[in-house]
C-alpha atoms as a PDB file:
ATOM      1  CA  UNK A   1     120.921 102.593  94.287  1.00  0.00           C
ATOM      2  CA  UNK A   2     119.664 100.351  97.108  1.00  0.00           C
ATOM      3  CA  UNK A   3     116.099 101.621  96.568  1.00  0.00           C
ATOM      4  CA  UNK A   4     116.271 101.057  92.816  1.00  0.00           C
ATOM      5  CA  UNK A   5     117.417  97.469  93.429  1.00  0.00           C
ATOM      6  CA  UNK A   6     114.536  96.889  95.879  1.00  0.00           C
ATOM      7  CA  UNK A   7     112.004  98.321  93.412  1.00  0.00           C
ATOM      8  CA  UNK A   8     113.401  96.137  90.618  1.00  0.00           C
ATOM      9  CA  UNK A   9     113.232  93.057  92.882  1.00  0.00           C
ATOM     10  CA  UNK A  10     109.617  93.734  93.811  1.00  0.00           C
ATOM     11  CA  UNK A  11     108.668  94.291  90.148  1.00  0.00           C
ATOM     12  CA  UNK A  12     110.363  91.060  89.089  1.00  0.00           C
ATOM     13  CA  UNK A  13     108.628  89.254  91.930  1.00  0.00           C
ATOM     14  CA  UNK A  14     105.204  90.367  90.714  1.00  0.00           C
ATOM     15  CA  UNK A  15     106.002  89.417  87.135  1.00  0.00           C
ATOM     16  CA  UNK A  16     107.218  85.956  88.199  1.00  0.00           C
ATOM     17  CA  UNK A  17     104.072  85.371  90.279  1.00  0.00           C
ATOM     18  CA  UNK A  18     101.887  85.992  87.250  1.00  0.00           C
ATOM     19  CA  UNK A  19     103.747  83.295  85.315  1.00  0.00           C
ATOM     20  CA  UNK A  20     102.791  80.626  87.853  1.00  0.00           C
ATOM     21  CA  UNK A  21      99.060  81.082  88.156  1.00  0.00           C
ATOM     22  CA  UNK A  22      97.982  77.885  86.405  1.00  0.00           C
ATOM     23  CA  UNK A  23      98.022  75.827  89.626  1.00  0.00           C
ATOM     24  CA  UNK A  24      97.766  78.574  92.204  1.00  0.00           C
ATOM     25  CA  UNK A  25      95.589  81.682  92.268  1.00  0.00           C
ATOM     26  CA  UNK A  26      97.512  84.900  91.860  1.00  0.00           C
ATOM     27  CA  UNK A  27      98.440  86.092  95.339  1.00  0.00           C
ATOM     28  CA  UNK A  28      98.947  89.780  94.754  1.00  0.00           C
ATOM     29  CA  UNK A  29      96.117  91.413  92.848  1.00  0.00           C
ATOM     30  CA  UNK A  30      96.603  94.356  95.231  1.00  0.00           C
ATOM     31  CA  UNK A  31      98.924  97.318  95.006  1.00  0.00           C
ATOM     32  CA  UNK A  32     101.930  97.687  97.296  1.00  0.00           C
ATOM     33  CA  UNK A  33     100.920  99.921 100.191  1.00  0.00           C
ATOM     34  CA  UNK A  34     103.417 101.403 102.622  1.00  0.00           C
ATOM     35  CA  UNK A  35     101.202 101.271 105.706  1.00  0.00           C
ATOM     36  CA  UNK A  36     102.244 102.725 109.010  1.00  0.00           C
ATOM     37  CA  UNK A  37     103.268 100.501 111.907  1.00  0.00           C
ATOM     38  CA  UNK A  38      99.885 100.788 113.651  1.00  0.00           C
ATOM     39  CA  UNK A  39      98.048  99.546 110.571  1.00  0.00           C
ATOM     40  CA  UNK A  40     100.530  96.705 109.997  1.00  0.00           C
ATOM     41  CA  UNK A  41     100.325  95.637 113.656  1.00  0.00           C
ATOM     42  CA  UNK A  42      96.525  95.515 113.606  1.00  0.00           C
ATOM     43  CA  UNK A  43      96.487  93.536 110.342  1.00  0.00           C
ATOM     44  CA  UNK A  44      99.027  90.937 111.442  1.00  0.00           C
ATOM     45  CA  UNK A  45      97.255  89.978 114.680  1.00  0.00           C
ATOM     46  CA  UNK A  46      95.537  86.625 114.206  1.00  0.00           C
ATOM     47  CA  UNK A  47      96.267  83.081 113.060  1.00  0.00           C
ATOM     48  CA  UNK A  48      97.887  82.331 109.720  1.00  0.00           C
ATOM     49  CA  UNK A  49      98.566  79.136 107.728  1.00  0.00           C
ATOM     50  CA  UNK A  50     101.594  78.856 105.449  1.00  0.00           C
ATOM     51  CA  UNK A  51     100.425  77.960 101.962  1.00  0.00           C
ATOM     52  CA  UNK A  52     103.091  78.931  99.394  1.00  0.00           C
ATOM     53  CA  UNK A  53     106.664  79.972  98.985  1.00  0.00           C
ATOM     54  CA  UNK A  54     109.148  81.061  96.340  1.00  0.00           C
ATOM     55  CA  UNK A  55     112.912  80.813  96.677  1.00  0.00           C
ATOM     56  CA  UNK A  56     115.865  81.387  94.364  1.00  0.00           C
ATOM     57  CA  UNK A  57     114.190  79.980  91.227  1.00  0.00           C
ATOM     58  CA  UNK A  58     111.229  82.327  91.603  1.00  0.00           C
ATOM     59  CA  UNK A  59     108.811  79.435  91.118  1.00  0.00           C
ATOM     60  CA  UNK A  60     105.768  79.683  93.353  1.00  0.00           C
ATOM     61  CA  UNK A  61     105.501  76.375  95.190  1.00  0.00           C
ATOM     62  CA  UNK A  62     102.793  74.927  97.413  1.00  0.00           C
ATOM     63  CA  UNK A  63     103.761  74.630 101.092  1.00  0.00           C
ATOM     64  CA  UNK A  64     105.194  71.207 101.910  1.00  0.00           C
ATOM     65  CA  UNK A  65     104.716  71.445 105.690  1.00  0.00           C
ATOM     66  CA  UNK A  66     101.844  72.305 108.003  1.00  0.00           C
ATOM     67  CA  UNK A  67     103.079  75.600 109.452  1.00  0.00           C
ATOM     68  CA  UNK A  68     100.797  77.847 111.468  1.00  0.00           C
ATOM     69  CA  UNK A  69     101.671  81.103 113.163  1.00  0.00           C
ATOM     70  CA  UNK A  70      99.624  83.167 115.591  1.00  0.00           C
ATOM     71  CA  UNK A  71     100.398  86.802 116.356  1.00  0.00           C
ATOM     72  CA  UNK A  72      98.726  88.101 119.512  1.00  0.00           C
ATOM     73  CA  UNK A  73      97.833  91.714 120.290  1.00  0.00           C
ATOM     74  CA  UNK A  74     100.059  91.569 123.386  1.00  0.00           C
ATOM     75  CA  UNK A  75     103.063  91.292 120.998  1.00  0.00           C
ATOM     76  CA  UNK A  76     103.636  87.547 121.494  1.00  0.00           C
ATOM     77  CA  UNK A  77     103.683  84.935 118.758  1.00  0.00           C
ATOM     78  CA  UNK A  78     103.910  81.190 118.333  1.00  0.00           C
ATOM     79  CA  UNK A  79     104.882  79.171 115.262  1.00  0.00           C
ATOM     80  CA  UNK A  80     103.790  75.538 115.006  1.00  0.00           C
ATOM     81  CA  UNK A  81     104.843  72.751 112.662  1.00  0.00           C
ATOM     82  CA  UNK A  82     102.422  69.826 112.802  1.00  0.00           C
ATOM     83  CA  UNK A  83     101.192  71.140 116.178  1.00  0.00           C
ATOM     84  CA  UNK A  84     104.751  71.247 117.634  1.00  0.00           C
ATOM     85  CA  UNK A  85     106.217  74.590 118.686  1.00  0.00           C
ATOM     86  CA  UNK A  86     109.175  75.593 116.493  1.00  0.00           C
ATOM     87  CA  UNK A  87     109.383  79.262 117.548  1.00  0.00           C
ATOM     88  CA  UNK A  88     107.722  81.480 120.106  1.00  0.00           C
ATOM     89  CA  UNK A  89     108.399  84.754 121.798  1.00  0.00           C
ATOM     90  CA  UNK A  90     107.694  88.409 121.269  1.00  0.00           C
ATOM     91  CA  UNK A  91     107.362  90.447 118.117  1.00  0.00           C
ATOM     92  CA  UNK A  92     107.594  94.088 117.175  1.00  0.00           C
ATOM     93  CA  UNK A  93     107.794  95.950 113.906  1.00  0.00           C
ATOM     94  CA  UNK A  94     110.908  97.587 112.562  1.00  0.00           C
ATOM     95  CA  UNK A  95     111.255  99.895 109.598  1.00  0.00           C
ATOM     96  CA  UNK A  96     113.664  98.498 107.010  1.00  0.00           C
ATOM     97  CA  UNK A  97     114.759  99.119 103.445  1.00  0.00           C
ATOM     98  CA  UNK A  98     112.731 101.643 101.430  1.00  0.00           C
ATOM     99  CA  UNK A  99     110.294 102.300 104.288  1.00  0.00           C
ATOM    100  CA  UNK A 100     109.059  98.705 104.373  1.00  0.00           C
ATOM    101  CA  UNK A 101     108.158  96.991 107.641  1.00  0.00           C
ATOM    102  CA  UNK A 102     109.667  93.763 108.983  1.00  0.00           C
ATOM    103  CA  UNK A 103     109.226  91.753 112.150  1.00  0.00           C
ATOM    104  CA  UNK A 104     111.783  91.927 114.926  1.00  0.00           C
ATOM    105  CA  UNK A 105     111.320  88.585 116.691  1.00  0.00           C
ATOM    106  CA  UNK A 106     112.803  87.480 120.012  1.00  0.00           C
ATOM    107  CA  UNK A 107     112.980  83.953 118.528  1.00  0.00           C
ATOM    108  CA  UNK A 108     113.743  84.059 114.774  1.00  0.00           C
ATOM    109  CA  UNK A 109     111.728  82.014 112.306  1.00  0.00           C
ATOM    110  CA  UNK A 110     112.785  81.343 108.708  1.00  0.00           C
ATOM    111  CA  UNK A 111     109.137  81.665 107.628  1.00  0.00           C
ATOM    112  CA  UNK A 112     108.770  85.196 108.996  1.00  0.00           C
ATOM    113  CA  UNK A 113     111.820  86.943 107.492  1.00  0.00           C
ATOM    114  CA  UNK A 114     111.557  89.870 105.124  1.00  0.00           C
ATOM    115  CA  UNK A 115     109.306  92.824 104.600  1.00  0.00           C
ATOM    116  CA  UNK A 116     105.587  92.404 105.192  1.00  0.00           C
ATOM    117  CA  UNK A 117     102.942  92.715 102.488  1.00  0.00           C
ATOM    118  CA  UNK A 118      99.186  92.209 102.855  1.00  0.00           C
ATOM    119  CA  UNK A 119      96.571  91.439 100.240  1.00  0.00           C
ATOM    120  CA  UNK A 120      92.999  90.518 101.154  1.00  0.00           C
ATOM    121  CA  UNK A 121      93.258  87.706 103.743  1.00  0.00           C
ATOM    122  CA  UNK A 122      96.901  86.939 102.992  1.00  0.00           C
ATOM    123  CA  UNK A 123     100.267  88.104 104.223  1.00  0.00           C
ATOM    124  CA  UNK A 124     103.689  87.635 102.661  1.00  0.00           C
ATOM    125  CA  UNK A 125     107.142  87.893 104.163  1.00  0.00           C
ATOM    126  CA  UNK A 126     109.348  88.977 101.267  1.00  0.00           C
ATOM    127  CA  UNK A 127     112.990  88.034 101.808  1.00  0.00           C
ATOM    128  CA  UNK A 128     114.049  87.533  98.179  1.00  0.00           C
ATOM    129  CA  UNK A 129     115.786  90.917  98.169  1.00  0.00           C
ATOM    130  CA  UNK A 130     118.228  89.338 100.665  1.00  0.00           C
ATOM    131  CA  UNK A 131     118.501  86.109  98.587  1.00  0.00           C
ATOM    132  CA  UNK A 132     116.052  84.397 100.930  1.00  0.00           C
ATOM    133  CA  UNK A 133     112.629  82.936 100.290  1.00  0.00           C
ATOM    134  CA  UNK A 134     109.264  84.639 100.120  1.00  0.00           C
ATOM    135  CA  UNK A 135     106.714  82.962 102.388  1.00  0.00           C
ATOM    136  CA  UNK A 136     102.949  83.380 101.967  1.00  0.00           C
ATOM    137  CA  UNK A 137     100.301  82.788 104.620  1.00  0.00           C
ATOM    138  CA  UNK A 138      96.529  82.804 104.524  1.00  0.00           C
ATOM    139  CA  UNK A 139      94.523  83.975 107.506  1.00  0.00           C
ATOM    140  CA  UNK A 140      92.701  81.193 109.331  1.00  0.00           C
ATOM    141  CA  UNK A 141      89.051  81.613 110.211  1.00  0.00           C
END
């Protein structure tokens, strides 16, 4: 039952994203891929800029703050808001619901909750299945 609910949530998420493409390019033209932890870890390393989010209404909104996060290969991370540190510490991956991967952070960040999805140069942290927000980041050059 839990897996059926997660699958339904993900499907509804994709449908709702397609409704809101007039102002924002569609984020997920890619299929959901259940990568292994090594692949996820190598993809997440780098610097990311928060650019969109969707909360309880499902509406995809443009980011209203300058949030940047950097994940280092030595399993450390730092989250900045307007160049000020709002979270930093260590990260590791944990397997969660329906074989999806989430971050286990030594210093929690509301922007990095939920299971991880990649598409092209973007990453999403999908927390809507827990009544949270989905946060989308684009990789910085």
